[in-house]
N, C-alpha and C. Protein backbone atom coordinates (compact mmCIF):
# COMPACT_ATOMS: atom_id res chain seq x y z
N MET A 1 -5.65 -45.50 -71.12
CA MET A 1 -6.76 -44.55 -71.14
C MET A 1 -6.00 -42.84 -71.29
N LYS A 2 -5.26 -43.13 -70.51
CA LYS A 2 -4.35 -41.94 -70.57
C LYS A 2 -3.75 -41.74 -71.79
N HIS A 3 -2.76 -42.98 -72.08
CA HIS A 3 -2.49 -42.75 -73.31
C HIS A 3 -2.88 -42.39 -74.57
N PHE A 4 -3.82 -42.76 -74.54
CA PHE A 4 -5.34 -42.63 -75.76
C PHE A 4 -5.62 -41.42 -75.25
N ALA A 5 -5.62 -40.51 -74.55
CA ALA A 5 -6.59 -39.42 -74.47
C ALA A 5 -4.92 -38.17 -74.68
N MET A 6 -3.67 -38.63 -74.46
CA MET A 6 -2.51 -37.80 -75.18
C MET A 6 -2.87 -37.88 -76.78
N LEU A 7 -2.82 -39.05 -77.14
CA LEU A 7 -3.14 -39.41 -78.48
C LEU A 7 -3.62 -38.64 -79.37
N LEU A 8 -5.15 -38.76 -78.54
CA LEU A 8 -6.59 -38.61 -79.54
C LEU A 8 -5.84 -36.16 -79.25
N CYS A 9 -4.94 -35.95 -78.36
CA CYS A 9 -5.58 -34.29 -78.30
C CYS A 9 -3.73 -34.15 -78.91
N LEU A 10 -2.89 -35.08 -79.18
CA LEU A 10 -2.07 -34.85 -80.24
C LEU A 10 -2.56 -34.74 -81.70
N LEU A 11 -3.11 -35.37 -81.76
CA LEU A 11 -3.93 -35.55 -83.52
C LEU A 11 -4.84 -34.74 -83.42
N VAL A 12 -5.15 -33.75 -82.34
CA VAL A 12 -6.11 -32.67 -82.97
C VAL A 12 -5.38 -31.20 -82.98
N LEU A 13 -3.90 -31.51 -82.00
CA LEU A 13 -3.55 -30.66 -82.14
C LEU A 13 -2.90 -30.00 -83.84
N GLY A 14 -2.37 -31.40 -84.22
CA GLY A 14 -1.59 -31.03 -85.74
C GLY A 14 -2.66 -31.43 -86.70
N ALA A 15 -4.28 -31.20 -86.33
CA ALA A 15 -5.46 -31.26 -87.39
C ALA A 15 -5.34 -29.82 -87.84
N ALA A 16 -5.77 -29.57 -88.89
CA ALA A 16 -6.28 -28.12 -89.43
C ALA A 16 -7.34 -27.43 -88.63
N THR A 17 -7.13 -26.40 -89.04
CA THR A 17 -7.86 -25.16 -87.34
C THR A 17 -9.22 -25.46 -88.02
N PRO A 18 -10.46 -25.50 -87.71
CA PRO A 18 -10.69 -25.34 -85.77
C PRO A 18 -10.32 -26.78 -85.51
N HIS A 19 -10.17 -26.51 -83.95
CA HIS A 19 -9.69 -27.52 -83.62
C HIS A 19 -10.16 -27.59 -81.94
N ALA A 20 -10.52 -28.52 -81.52
CA ALA A 20 -10.93 -28.34 -79.76
C ALA A 20 -10.62 -29.51 -78.96
N CYS A 21 -10.33 -29.25 -77.77
CA CYS A 21 -9.68 -30.41 -76.63
C CYS A 21 -10.70 -29.97 -75.72
N ILE A 22 -11.45 -31.00 -74.62
CA ILE A 22 -11.89 -30.86 -73.39
C ILE A 22 -10.82 -31.90 -72.51
N GLY A 23 -10.18 -30.98 -71.95
CA GLY A 23 -9.30 -31.97 -70.56
C GLY A 23 -7.90 -33.01 -71.27
N CYS A 24 -7.56 -32.18 -72.04
CA CYS A 24 -6.65 -32.58 -72.85
C CYS A 24 -5.09 -32.56 -71.76
N ASN A 25 -4.02 -33.22 -71.54
CA ASN A 25 -2.97 -32.88 -70.61
C ASN A 25 -1.32 -32.70 -71.48
N PHE A 26 -0.94 -31.03 -71.39
CA PHE A 26 0.26 -31.13 -72.19
C PHE A 26 1.35 -30.89 -71.06
N GLN A 27 1.15 -31.08 -69.63
CA GLN A 27 1.86 -30.93 -68.66
C GLN A 27 3.41 -31.25 -69.29
N GLY A 28 4.24 -29.86 -69.26
CA GLY A 28 5.64 -30.28 -69.22
C GLY A 28 6.15 -30.71 -70.49
N SER A 29 5.49 -30.61 -71.92
CA SER A 29 5.52 -30.72 -72.60
C SER A 29 6.31 -29.80 -73.82
N ASP A 30 6.83 -30.09 -74.40
CA ASP A 30 7.54 -28.96 -75.05
C ASP A 30 6.94 -28.47 -76.87
N LEU A 31 5.96 -27.69 -76.69
CA LEU A 31 5.09 -27.52 -77.60
C LEU A 31 5.34 -25.97 -77.91
N HIS A 32 6.87 -25.75 -78.43
CA HIS A 32 7.91 -24.56 -79.17
C HIS A 32 7.13 -24.18 -80.29
N GLY A 33 6.91 -22.69 -80.73
CA GLY A 33 5.95 -22.56 -81.72
C GLY A 33 4.78 -23.39 -82.00
N ALA A 34 4.09 -24.05 -81.38
CA ALA A 34 3.04 -24.89 -81.83
C ALA A 34 1.41 -24.00 -82.16
N ASP A 35 0.75 -24.18 -83.17
CA ASP A 35 0.12 -23.89 -83.86
C ASP A 35 -1.67 -23.76 -83.18
N PHE A 36 -2.20 -22.87 -82.45
CA PHE A 36 -3.53 -23.14 -81.55
C PHE A 36 -4.27 -21.93 -81.89
N ARG A 37 -4.22 -21.63 -83.29
CA ARG A 37 -4.74 -20.14 -83.46
C ARG A 37 -6.56 -20.86 -84.19
N ASN A 38 -6.89 -19.79 -83.34
CA ASN A 38 -8.79 -20.41 -83.40
C ASN A 38 -8.72 -22.16 -82.81
N ALA A 39 -8.69 -22.11 -81.59
CA ALA A 39 -8.27 -23.75 -81.35
C ALA A 39 -9.37 -23.69 -80.14
N ARG A 40 -10.25 -24.15 -79.65
CA ARG A 40 -11.02 -24.43 -78.46
C ARG A 40 -10.73 -25.59 -77.70
N TYR A 41 -10.41 -24.96 -76.07
CA TYR A 41 -9.64 -25.78 -75.04
C TYR A 41 -10.44 -25.58 -73.75
N VAL A 42 -10.99 -26.46 -73.41
CA VAL A 42 -11.40 -26.29 -71.98
C VAL A 42 -10.97 -27.17 -71.20
N GLY A 43 -10.85 -26.84 -70.19
CA GLY A 43 -9.97 -27.46 -68.87
C GLY A 43 -8.58 -28.31 -69.23
N SER A 44 -8.08 -27.66 -70.10
CA SER A 44 -6.55 -28.62 -70.42
C SER A 44 -5.80 -27.85 -69.38
N ASN A 45 -4.61 -28.69 -69.61
CA ASN A 45 -3.29 -28.80 -68.59
C ASN A 45 -1.97 -28.28 -69.49
N PHE A 46 -2.03 -27.38 -69.24
CA PHE A 46 -0.41 -26.52 -69.77
C PHE A 46 0.34 -26.76 -68.91
N GLU A 47 0.02 -26.60 -67.72
CA GLU A 47 1.28 -26.19 -66.81
C GLU A 47 2.83 -26.73 -66.70
N ARG A 48 3.62 -25.93 -66.82
CA ARG A 48 4.81 -26.24 -67.07
C ARG A 48 5.46 -26.62 -68.98
N THR A 49 4.95 -25.84 -69.84
CA THR A 49 4.35 -26.71 -71.06
C THR A 49 5.94 -25.63 -71.52
N ASN A 50 5.96 -25.90 -72.33
CA ASN A 50 7.52 -25.10 -73.46
C ASN A 50 6.66 -24.61 -73.95
N LEU A 51 5.85 -23.43 -74.35
CA LEU A 51 4.77 -22.66 -75.37
C LEU A 51 5.53 -21.09 -75.91
N ARG A 52 7.08 -21.16 -75.92
CA ARG A 52 7.55 -20.15 -76.94
C ARG A 52 7.07 -20.07 -78.19
N ASP A 53 6.88 -19.19 -78.20
CA ASP A 53 6.74 -18.91 -79.99
C ASP A 53 5.53 -19.51 -80.28
N ALA A 54 4.30 -20.07 -79.72
CA ALA A 54 3.40 -20.58 -80.00
C ALA A 54 2.34 -19.58 -80.27
N ARG A 55 1.56 -20.02 -81.21
CA ARG A 55 0.38 -19.16 -81.36
C ARG A 55 -1.36 -19.40 -80.97
N PHE A 56 -1.54 -18.40 -80.79
CA PHE A 56 -2.78 -18.36 -79.85
C PHE A 56 -3.89 -17.99 -80.31
N GLY A 57 -3.59 -17.26 -81.81
CA GLY A 57 -4.55 -16.06 -81.95
C GLY A 57 -6.01 -16.37 -82.06
N GLY A 58 -6.92 -15.69 -81.82
CA GLY A 58 -7.88 -16.07 -82.08
C GLY A 58 -9.17 -17.30 -81.03
N ALA A 59 -8.05 -17.83 -80.23
CA ALA A 59 -8.10 -19.23 -79.49
C ALA A 59 -8.86 -18.99 -78.69
N GLU A 60 -10.25 -19.88 -77.93
CA GLU A 60 -10.95 -19.91 -77.07
C GLU A 60 -10.27 -20.79 -75.72
N LEU A 61 -9.72 -20.63 -74.92
CA LEU A 61 -9.44 -20.98 -73.54
C LEU A 61 -9.69 -20.56 -72.73
N VAL A 62 -10.80 -22.22 -72.06
CA VAL A 62 -12.06 -21.65 -70.50
C VAL A 62 -10.91 -22.70 -69.88
N GLY A 63 -10.85 -21.94 -68.23
CA GLY A 63 -10.54 -22.90 -67.28
C GLY A 63 -9.37 -24.02 -67.41
N CYS A 64 -7.95 -23.20 -68.14
CA CYS A 64 -7.20 -24.18 -68.86
C CYS A 64 -6.04 -23.54 -67.73
N ASP A 65 -5.13 -24.52 -67.09
CA ASP A 65 -4.03 -24.21 -66.54
C ASP A 65 -2.65 -24.00 -67.26
N PHE A 66 -2.05 -23.30 -66.57
CA PHE A 66 -0.65 -22.34 -67.50
C PHE A 66 0.28 -22.01 -66.79
N ARG A 67 -0.05 -22.67 -65.18
CA ARG A 67 0.83 -22.37 -64.09
C ARG A 67 2.41 -22.45 -64.33
N HIS A 68 3.18 -21.52 -64.63
CA HIS A 68 4.86 -22.15 -65.12
C HIS A 68 5.29 -21.87 -66.39
N ALA A 69 4.02 -22.37 -66.97
CA ALA A 69 4.63 -22.05 -68.48
C ALA A 69 5.32 -21.40 -68.88
N ASP A 70 5.49 -21.40 -70.18
CA ASP A 70 6.77 -20.43 -70.68
C ASP A 70 6.20 -20.37 -72.14
N LEU A 71 5.69 -19.07 -72.04
CA LEU A 71 4.89 -18.69 -72.82
C LEU A 71 5.31 -16.89 -73.61
N ARG A 72 7.19 -17.06 -73.33
CA ARG A 72 7.78 -15.63 -73.85
C ARG A 72 7.78 -15.93 -75.11
N GLY A 73 7.59 -14.96 -75.95
CA GLY A 73 7.29 -14.52 -77.87
C GLY A 73 6.03 -15.06 -78.30
N ALA A 74 5.12 -15.87 -77.47
CA ALA A 74 3.99 -16.62 -77.69
C ALA A 74 2.89 -15.34 -78.22
N ASP A 75 2.21 -15.42 -79.19
CA ASP A 75 1.44 -14.79 -79.81
C ASP A 75 -0.37 -14.92 -79.30
N LEU A 76 -0.68 -14.04 -77.90
CA LEU A 76 -1.97 -14.60 -77.77
C LEU A 76 -2.93 -13.67 -78.22
N SER A 77 -2.55 -12.49 -78.76
CA SER A 77 -3.48 -11.20 -79.11
C SER A 77 -4.79 -11.95 -79.73
N THR A 78 -5.73 -11.42 -79.09
CA THR A 78 -7.47 -11.38 -79.84
C THR A 78 -7.67 -12.80 -79.23
N ALA A 79 -6.81 -13.86 -78.48
CA ALA A 79 -7.17 -14.92 -77.85
C ALA A 79 -8.03 -14.55 -76.55
N THR A 80 -9.04 -15.56 -76.25
CA THR A 80 -10.05 -15.24 -74.95
C THR A 80 -9.68 -16.39 -73.57
N LEU A 81 -9.06 -15.83 -72.44
CA LEU A 81 -9.05 -16.89 -71.67
C LEU A 81 -9.74 -16.43 -70.53
N THR A 82 -10.80 -17.61 -70.61
CA THR A 82 -11.64 -17.36 -69.59
C THR A 82 -11.46 -18.59 -68.25
N GLY A 83 -11.12 -17.77 -67.14
CA GLY A 83 -11.25 -18.44 -65.89
C GLY A 83 -9.68 -19.58 -65.75
N CYS A 84 -8.94 -18.77 -66.75
CA CYS A 84 -7.27 -19.64 -67.01
C CYS A 84 -6.44 -18.78 -65.68
N ASN A 85 -5.40 -20.22 -65.61
CA ASN A 85 -4.50 -19.87 -64.42
C ASN A 85 -3.22 -19.61 -64.60
N LEU A 86 -2.57 -18.50 -65.13
CA LEU A 86 -1.35 -18.12 -65.53
C LEU A 86 -0.45 -18.53 -64.70
N SER A 87 -0.80 -18.65 -62.91
CA SER A 87 0.44 -18.19 -62.07
C SER A 87 1.90 -18.77 -62.23
N GLY A 88 2.97 -17.81 -61.95
CA GLY A 88 4.20 -17.98 -62.48
C GLY A 88 4.80 -18.36 -63.66
N ALA A 89 3.34 -18.06 -65.02
CA ALA A 89 4.16 -18.28 -66.21
C ALA A 89 4.91 -16.98 -66.69
N LEU A 90 5.77 -17.39 -67.36
CA LEU A 90 7.00 -16.36 -68.40
C LEU A 90 6.12 -15.99 -69.04
N LEU A 91 6.10 -14.68 -69.20
CA LEU A 91 5.25 -13.61 -70.67
C LEU A 91 5.85 -12.71 -70.91
N GLY A 92 7.24 -12.81 -70.42
CA GLY A 92 8.45 -12.05 -71.59
C GLY A 92 8.77 -11.79 -72.96
N GLY A 93 8.24 -10.85 -73.82
CA GLY A 93 8.11 -10.50 -75.17
C GLY A 93 6.65 -11.27 -75.82
N ALA A 94 5.89 -11.87 -75.04
CA ALA A 94 4.82 -12.16 -75.24
C ALA A 94 3.73 -11.34 -75.96
N ARG A 95 3.34 -11.54 -77.26
CA ARG A 95 2.45 -10.35 -77.25
C ARG A 95 0.85 -11.03 -77.10
N ILE A 96 0.40 -9.61 -76.36
CA ILE A 96 -1.47 -10.10 -75.78
C ILE A 96 -2.25 -8.88 -75.87
N ASP A 97 -1.99 -7.91 -76.87
CA ASP A 97 -2.72 -7.06 -77.11
C ASP A 97 -4.01 -7.52 -77.85
N GLY A 98 -5.43 -7.16 -77.22
CA GLY A 98 -6.68 -6.95 -77.38
C GLY A 98 -7.30 -8.75 -76.82
N MET A 99 -6.06 -9.16 -75.48
CA MET A 99 -6.49 -10.87 -75.54
C MET A 99 -8.01 -10.09 -74.11
N LYS A 100 -8.65 -11.19 -73.93
CA LYS A 100 -9.59 -11.04 -73.60
C LYS A 100 -9.35 -12.05 -72.26
N ALA A 101 -9.35 -11.61 -70.72
CA ALA A 101 -8.16 -12.58 -69.82
C ALA A 101 -9.24 -12.38 -68.77
N ILE A 102 -10.26 -12.56 -68.62
CA ILE A 102 -11.34 -12.33 -67.39
C ILE A 102 -11.43 -13.66 -66.69
N GLY A 103 -11.24 -12.96 -65.85
CA GLY A 103 -11.05 -13.82 -64.16
C GLY A 103 -9.69 -14.83 -64.02
N ALA A 104 -8.64 -14.00 -65.05
CA ALA A 104 -7.32 -14.67 -64.78
C ALA A 104 -6.63 -14.41 -64.24
N ARG A 105 -5.47 -15.84 -63.69
CA ARG A 105 -4.62 -15.29 -62.52
C ARG A 105 -3.37 -15.34 -63.08
N PHE A 106 -2.62 -13.91 -62.96
CA PHE A 106 -0.90 -13.96 -63.33
C PHE A 106 -0.37 -13.88 -61.88
N ASP A 107 -0.39 -14.38 -60.65
CA ASP A 107 -0.32 -14.44 -59.68
C ASP A 107 0.91 -15.29 -59.86
N ASP A 108 2.29 -14.16 -59.32
CA ASP A 108 4.09 -14.56 -59.59
C ASP A 108 4.48 -14.66 -61.13
N ALA A 109 3.57 -14.14 -61.56
CA ALA A 109 4.23 -14.01 -63.30
C ALA A 109 5.19 -13.12 -63.71
N HIS A 110 6.19 -13.74 -64.59
CA HIS A 110 6.70 -12.31 -64.91
C HIS A 110 6.59 -12.25 -66.40
N ALA A 111 6.04 -10.83 -66.08
CA ALA A 111 5.54 -9.96 -67.27
C ALA A 111 6.13 -8.64 -67.09
N ARG A 112 7.46 -8.79 -67.25
CA ARG A 112 8.31 -7.48 -67.14
C ARG A 112 8.61 -6.79 -68.75
N GLY A 113 7.78 -5.91 -68.88
CA GLY A 113 7.85 -5.06 -70.45
C GLY A 113 6.67 -5.57 -71.23
N VAL A 114 5.32 -6.31 -70.47
CA VAL A 114 4.75 -7.03 -71.60
C VAL A 114 3.54 -5.80 -71.85
N ARG A 115 3.61 -5.52 -73.16
CA ARG A 115 2.25 -4.92 -73.26
C ARG A 115 0.96 -5.44 -73.19
N PHE A 116 -0.10 -4.77 -72.03
CA PHE A 116 -1.33 -5.29 -72.12
C PHE A 116 -2.34 -3.89 -72.33
N ARG A 117 -1.55 -3.40 -74.01
CA ARG A 117 -2.73 -2.85 -74.43
C ARG A 117 -4.07 -3.67 -75.03
N ASP A 118 -5.01 -2.44 -74.22
CA ASP A 118 -6.60 -3.28 -74.81
C ASP A 118 -6.90 -5.08 -74.47
N VAL A 119 -6.63 -5.14 -73.56
CA VAL A 119 -6.79 -6.40 -73.17
C VAL A 119 -7.15 -6.44 -71.82
N ASN A 120 -8.93 -7.08 -72.15
CA ASN A 120 -9.86 -7.55 -70.77
C ASN A 120 -9.33 -8.14 -69.54
N LEU A 121 -9.15 -7.36 -68.66
CA LEU A 121 -8.34 -8.07 -67.45
C LEU A 121 -9.32 -8.43 -66.36
N THR A 122 -10.63 -7.81 -66.60
CA THR A 122 -11.98 -7.84 -65.51
C THR A 122 -11.86 -9.32 -64.60
N GLY A 123 -11.73 -8.93 -63.49
CA GLY A 123 -11.02 -9.77 -62.51
C GLY A 123 -9.95 -11.03 -62.59
N ALA A 124 -8.93 -9.90 -62.92
CA ALA A 124 -8.07 -10.77 -63.40
C ALA A 124 -6.86 -10.70 -61.82
N SER A 125 -6.34 -11.28 -61.57
CA SER A 125 -4.96 -10.93 -60.52
C SER A 125 -3.76 -11.37 -60.25
N PHE A 126 -3.18 -10.21 -59.96
CA PHE A 126 -1.47 -10.05 -60.71
C PHE A 126 -0.87 -10.22 -59.02
N MET A 127 -1.01 -10.36 -58.22
CA MET A 127 -0.37 -10.89 -56.97
C MET A 127 0.73 -11.21 -57.14
N ARG A 128 2.06 -10.50 -56.71
CA ARG A 128 3.20 -10.93 -56.65
C ARG A 128 3.90 -10.77 -57.61
N ALA A 129 3.04 -10.36 -59.19
CA ALA A 129 3.76 -10.68 -60.47
C ALA A 129 4.70 -9.40 -60.60
N ASN A 130 5.88 -9.19 -61.52
CA ASN A 130 6.98 -8.73 -61.72
C ASN A 130 5.86 -7.68 -63.29
N LEU A 131 5.39 -6.42 -62.95
CA LEU A 131 5.52 -5.83 -64.28
C LEU A 131 5.64 -4.84 -64.13
N THR A 132 6.95 -4.81 -63.89
CA THR A 132 8.36 -3.86 -64.25
C THR A 132 8.28 -3.11 -65.50
N ASP A 133 8.09 -2.03 -65.75
CA ASP A 133 8.22 -1.51 -66.99
C ASP A 133 6.33 -2.01 -68.16
N ALA A 134 6.13 -2.84 -67.63
CA ALA A 134 4.77 -3.34 -68.32
C ALA A 134 3.57 -1.96 -68.70
N ASN A 135 3.07 -1.81 -69.73
CA ASN A 135 2.55 -1.21 -70.15
C ASN A 135 0.65 -1.37 -70.33
N PHE A 136 0.17 -0.72 -69.23
CA PHE A 136 -1.44 -0.86 -69.49
C PHE A 136 -2.42 -0.02 -70.34
N ALA A 137 -2.40 0.51 -71.37
CA ALA A 137 -2.68 1.39 -71.62
C ALA A 137 -4.04 0.84 -72.47
N GLY A 138 -5.32 1.25 -72.17
CA GLY A 138 -6.08 0.99 -72.72
C GLY A 138 -6.87 -0.35 -72.56
N ALA A 139 -6.30 -1.00 -71.59
CA ALA A 139 -6.74 -2.79 -70.66
C ALA A 139 -7.75 -2.31 -69.80
N VAL A 140 -8.74 -2.39 -69.80
CA VAL A 140 -9.67 -2.71 -68.51
C VAL A 140 -8.95 -3.10 -67.52
N VAL A 141 -9.08 -2.56 -66.68
CA VAL A 141 -8.03 -3.12 -64.95
C VAL A 141 -8.72 -2.40 -63.52
N CYS A 142 -10.42 -1.54 -63.78
CA CYS A 142 -11.51 -1.90 -63.05
C CYS A 142 -12.84 -2.16 -63.83
N TRP A 143 -13.92 -2.30 -63.02
CA TRP A 143 -15.16 -2.17 -63.56
C TRP A 143 -15.97 -1.88 -62.66
N GLN A 144 -17.28 -1.59 -62.68
CA GLN A 144 -18.31 -1.38 -61.54
C GLN A 144 -19.63 -1.97 -62.30
N SER A 145 -20.66 -1.77 -61.48
CA SER A 145 -22.28 -2.41 -61.46
C SER A 145 -22.78 -0.99 -62.08
N ASP A 146 -23.78 -1.89 -62.90
CA ASP A 146 -24.44 -0.60 -64.02
C ASP A 146 -25.02 0.11 -62.80
N ARG A 147 -25.48 0.32 -61.45
CA ARG A 147 -25.79 1.01 -60.33
C ARG A 147 -24.93 1.50 -59.46
N TRP A 148 -23.88 2.35 -59.81
CA TRP A 148 -22.12 1.87 -58.97
C TRP A 148 -22.73 2.96 -57.92
N ARG A 149 -23.06 4.01 -58.86
CA ARG A 149 -23.53 5.40 -58.34
C ARG A 149 -24.21 5.48 -56.90
N GLU A 150 -25.43 4.64 -57.42
CA GLU A 150 -26.56 4.40 -56.32
C GLU A 150 -25.87 3.54 -54.95
N ALA A 151 -25.03 2.91 -55.64
CA ALA A 151 -24.41 1.77 -54.32
C ALA A 151 -23.55 2.40 -53.73
N SER A 152 -22.49 3.42 -54.33
CA SER A 152 -22.06 4.35 -53.18
C SER A 152 -22.56 5.06 -52.35
N ASP A 153 -23.65 5.72 -52.83
CA ASP A 153 -24.14 6.64 -52.13
C ASP A 153 -24.64 5.93 -50.81
N ARG A 154 -25.27 4.66 -50.94
CA ARG A 154 -25.58 3.14 -49.87
C ARG A 154 -24.47 3.14 -49.59
N GLY A 155 -23.09 3.54 -49.40
CA GLY A 155 -21.51 3.58 -48.69
C GLY A 155 -21.38 1.45 -49.09
N ASP A 156 -21.91 1.33 -50.09
CA ASP A 156 -21.92 -0.38 -50.92
C ASP A 156 -21.31 -0.07 -52.14
N ASP A 157 -20.40 -0.53 -52.16
CA ASP A 157 -18.70 -0.84 -52.74
C ASP A 157 -19.00 -1.55 -54.22
N ARG A 158 -19.03 -0.97 -55.07
CA ARG A 158 -19.39 -2.05 -56.33
C ARG A 158 -18.55 -1.81 -57.58
N ILE A 159 -17.44 -1.86 -57.11
CA ILE A 159 -16.39 -1.19 -57.64
C ILE A 159 -15.35 -2.46 -57.52
N GLY A 160 -14.67 -2.86 -58.40
CA GLY A 160 -13.29 -3.83 -58.27
C GLY A 160 -12.33 -3.50 -59.37
N CYS A 161 -11.20 -3.84 -58.96
CA CYS A 161 -10.03 -3.66 -59.89
C CYS A 161 -9.34 -4.83 -59.91
N ILE A 162 -8.15 -5.16 -60.41
CA ILE A 162 -7.28 -5.89 -60.89
C ILE A 162 -6.58 -6.26 -59.29
N ASP A 163 -6.40 -6.98 -58.79
CA ASP A 163 -5.30 -7.26 -57.85
C ASP A 163 -3.99 -6.88 -58.02
N LEU A 164 -3.53 -5.95 -57.47
CA LEU A 164 -1.84 -5.60 -57.65
C LEU A 164 -0.70 -5.65 -56.11
N ALA A 165 -1.80 -6.30 -55.35
CA ALA A 165 -1.14 -6.77 -53.88
C ALA A 165 0.18 -7.37 -54.17
N GLY A 166 1.32 -7.21 -53.78
CA GLY A 166 3.03 -7.37 -53.76
C GLY A 166 3.57 -7.46 -54.95
N ALA A 167 2.94 -6.69 -55.80
CA ALA A 167 3.33 -6.84 -57.38
C ALA A 167 4.41 -5.45 -57.60
N ARG A 168 5.28 -6.15 -57.92
CA ARG A 168 6.15 -5.10 -58.44
C ARG A 168 5.84 -4.29 -60.06
N VAL A 169 5.64 -2.76 -59.78
CA VAL A 169 4.77 -2.29 -60.40
C VAL A 169 6.03 -0.68 -61.02
N GLN A 170 6.76 -0.95 -60.56
CA GLN A 170 8.05 0.35 -61.27
C GLN A 170 7.94 0.70 -62.56
N ARG A 171 7.79 1.52 -62.88
CA ARG A 171 7.93 2.07 -64.26
C ARG A 171 6.47 1.72 -65.04
N ALA A 172 5.59 1.13 -64.76
CA ALA A 172 4.65 0.37 -65.00
C ALA A 172 3.53 1.54 -65.70
N ASN A 173 3.39 1.37 -67.00
CA ASN A 173 2.59 2.63 -67.09
C ASN A 173 0.99 2.04 -67.25
N PHE A 174 0.24 3.05 -66.29
CA PHE A 174 -1.52 2.72 -66.41
C PHE A 174 -2.26 4.04 -66.84
N ARG A 175 -1.96 4.89 -67.69
CA ARG A 175 -2.02 6.01 -68.33
C ARG A 175 -2.78 5.20 -69.43
N GLY A 176 -3.98 5.96 -68.90
CA GLY A 176 -4.90 5.11 -70.48
C GLY A 176 -5.48 3.94 -69.69
N ALA A 177 -5.52 3.78 -68.73
CA ALA A 177 -6.08 1.74 -68.24
C ALA A 177 -7.53 2.72 -68.17
N LEU A 178 -8.29 1.54 -68.18
CA LEU A 178 -9.80 2.23 -67.98
C LEU A 178 -11.10 1.36 -66.93
N ILE A 179 -11.45 1.85 -66.77
CA ILE A 179 -12.59 1.74 -65.81
C ILE A 179 -13.99 1.35 -66.74
N CYS A 180 -14.48 0.39 -66.32
CA CYS A 180 -15.95 -0.37 -67.61
C CYS A 180 -17.12 -0.14 -66.52
N SER A 181 -18.34 0.03 -67.10
CA SER A 181 -19.10 -0.38 -66.51
C SER A 181 -20.49 -1.45 -66.88
N GLY A 182 -20.23 -2.58 -66.86
CA GLY A 182 -21.14 -3.41 -67.07
C GLY A 182 -22.59 -3.06 -68.52
N GLY A 183 -23.38 -2.12 -68.45
CA GLY A 183 -24.05 -1.59 -69.45
C GLY A 183 -25.07 -2.54 -69.78
N ARG A 184 -25.66 -2.42 -70.86
CA ARG A 184 -26.55 -3.01 -71.45
C ARG A 184 -25.76 -4.29 -72.70
N VAL A 185 -26.83 -4.75 -72.50
CA VAL A 185 -26.00 -6.00 -74.21
C VAL A 185 -26.36 -5.40 -74.97
N ALA A 186 -27.59 -4.51 -75.34
CA ALA A 186 -27.51 -3.60 -76.64
C ALA A 186 -26.46 -2.86 -77.12
N THR A 187 -26.21 -2.18 -76.02
CA THR A 187 -24.75 -1.16 -76.06
C THR A 187 -23.35 -1.34 -75.86
N GLY A 188 -23.52 -2.37 -74.80
CA GLY A 188 -22.21 -2.82 -74.69
C GLY A 188 -21.50 -1.97 -73.26
N PRO A 189 -20.65 -2.59 -73.02
CA PRO A 189 -19.58 -1.64 -71.74
C PRO A 189 -19.58 -0.33 -71.56
N SER A 190 -19.07 0.56 -70.73
CA SER A 190 -19.08 2.12 -70.96
C SER A 190 -17.79 2.29 -70.32
N CYS A 191 -17.06 2.50 -71.00
CA CYS A 191 -15.18 2.86 -70.71
C CYS A 191 -14.78 4.18 -70.15
N VAL A 192 -14.25 4.52 -69.26
CA VAL A 192 -13.29 6.34 -69.35
C VAL A 192 -12.54 5.33 -69.01
N PRO A 193 -11.21 6.34 -68.50
CA PRO A 193 -10.15 6.13 -68.07
C PRO A 193 -10.00 6.28 -66.57
N VAL A 194 -9.52 5.60 -65.87
CA VAL A 194 -9.51 5.41 -64.44
C VAL A 194 -8.83 5.97 -63.93
N ASP A 195 -9.17 7.12 -62.70
CA ASP A 195 -7.98 8.09 -61.92
C ASP A 195 -7.43 7.22 -61.50
N ALA A 196 -6.24 7.43 -61.04
CA ALA A 196 -5.63 6.65 -59.78
C ALA A 196 -5.19 6.90 -58.79
N ARG A 197 -6.46 7.57 -57.82
CA ARG A 197 -7.23 7.23 -56.40
C ARG A 197 -7.92 5.76 -56.76
N THR A 198 -8.83 6.12 -57.52
CA THR A 198 -9.76 4.93 -57.68
C THR A 198 -8.91 3.21 -57.74
N LEU A 199 -7.71 3.49 -58.74
CA LEU A 199 -6.92 2.31 -58.89
C LEU A 199 -6.05 2.18 -57.64
N ARG A 200 -5.66 2.58 -57.06
CA ARG A 200 -5.09 2.71 -55.82
C ARG A 200 -5.63 2.33 -54.73
N ARG A 201 -7.04 2.81 -54.94
CA ARG A 201 -7.96 2.35 -53.75
C ARG A 201 -8.34 0.94 -53.92
N TYR A 202 -8.84 0.23 -54.91
CA TYR A 202 -9.34 -0.97 -55.05
C TYR A 202 -8.35 -2.10 -55.83
N SER A 203 -7.56 -2.35 -55.83
CA SER A 203 -6.06 -2.91 -56.42
C SER A 203 -5.03 -3.36 -55.36
N ARG A 204 -5.46 -2.77 -54.06
CA ARG A 204 -4.25 -3.17 -52.94
C ARG A 204 -3.12 -2.93 -52.79
N SER A 205 -2.82 -1.83 -53.74
CA SER A 205 -1.48 -2.05 -54.18
C SER A 205 -0.98 -0.18 -53.92
N THR A 206 -0.28 0.29 -52.92
CA THR A 206 0.08 1.65 -53.48
C THR A 206 0.35 2.35 -54.94
N LEU A 207 0.57 1.18 -55.89
CA LEU A 207 1.15 1.64 -56.79
C LEU A 207 2.65 2.66 -56.93
N GLN A 208 3.36 2.71 -55.85
CA GLN A 208 4.41 3.26 -55.81
C GLN A 208 5.43 2.98 -56.66
N GLY A 209 6.38 3.53 -57.75
CA GLY A 209 6.76 3.62 -58.70
C GLY A 209 6.15 3.81 -60.03
N ALA A 210 4.92 3.62 -59.91
CA ALA A 210 4.07 3.50 -61.40
C ALA A 210 3.79 4.71 -61.97
N ILE A 211 3.75 4.66 -62.74
CA ILE A 211 3.13 5.94 -64.24
C ILE A 211 1.62 5.79 -64.20
N LEU A 212 1.18 7.12 -63.63
CA LEU A 212 -0.10 7.05 -63.29
C LEU A 212 -0.92 8.57 -63.94
């Protein structure tokens, strides 16, 4: 049954887009340059998989495991990664502009010099990640409830930011990074540049050496 599932996944991978897969296991596979554009994957395992130069543009990935995957040079721009785990992943040279990574984990990831421009990082974690020279301009790094001002008046914090505890942030650029409110469905979220004080307070990092 396991081998049949793997064969099915490989057939899906080779099929013309759009393609989809639930619970596929690619762990440790060599998928260098593979085409996942506009794919739909749920609960799939890419742990320690070679995904160098793979293309994920427009893909929707939910609850997928990319721990220690090699994503160097991969194109993840405009992809949606919801609740995915990229802990320990190699991201050097990856294109991720415009990506949505809501609730994603980048703990211990190697993301030196990566441009997180315009990436939605609501609920994301970067504990101990190497973010040296990374660029977060235009990225959503903090968020707040619709009624955050009233909550603050009551001493009830409703602001959250990406978790940067233990992350290396030397020369990481957070100028132009955003804090967004939930907004209404009809109007969408409202975003403004986040100030350094808020980011320091809620990211669990002093951001020493970062550009703020």
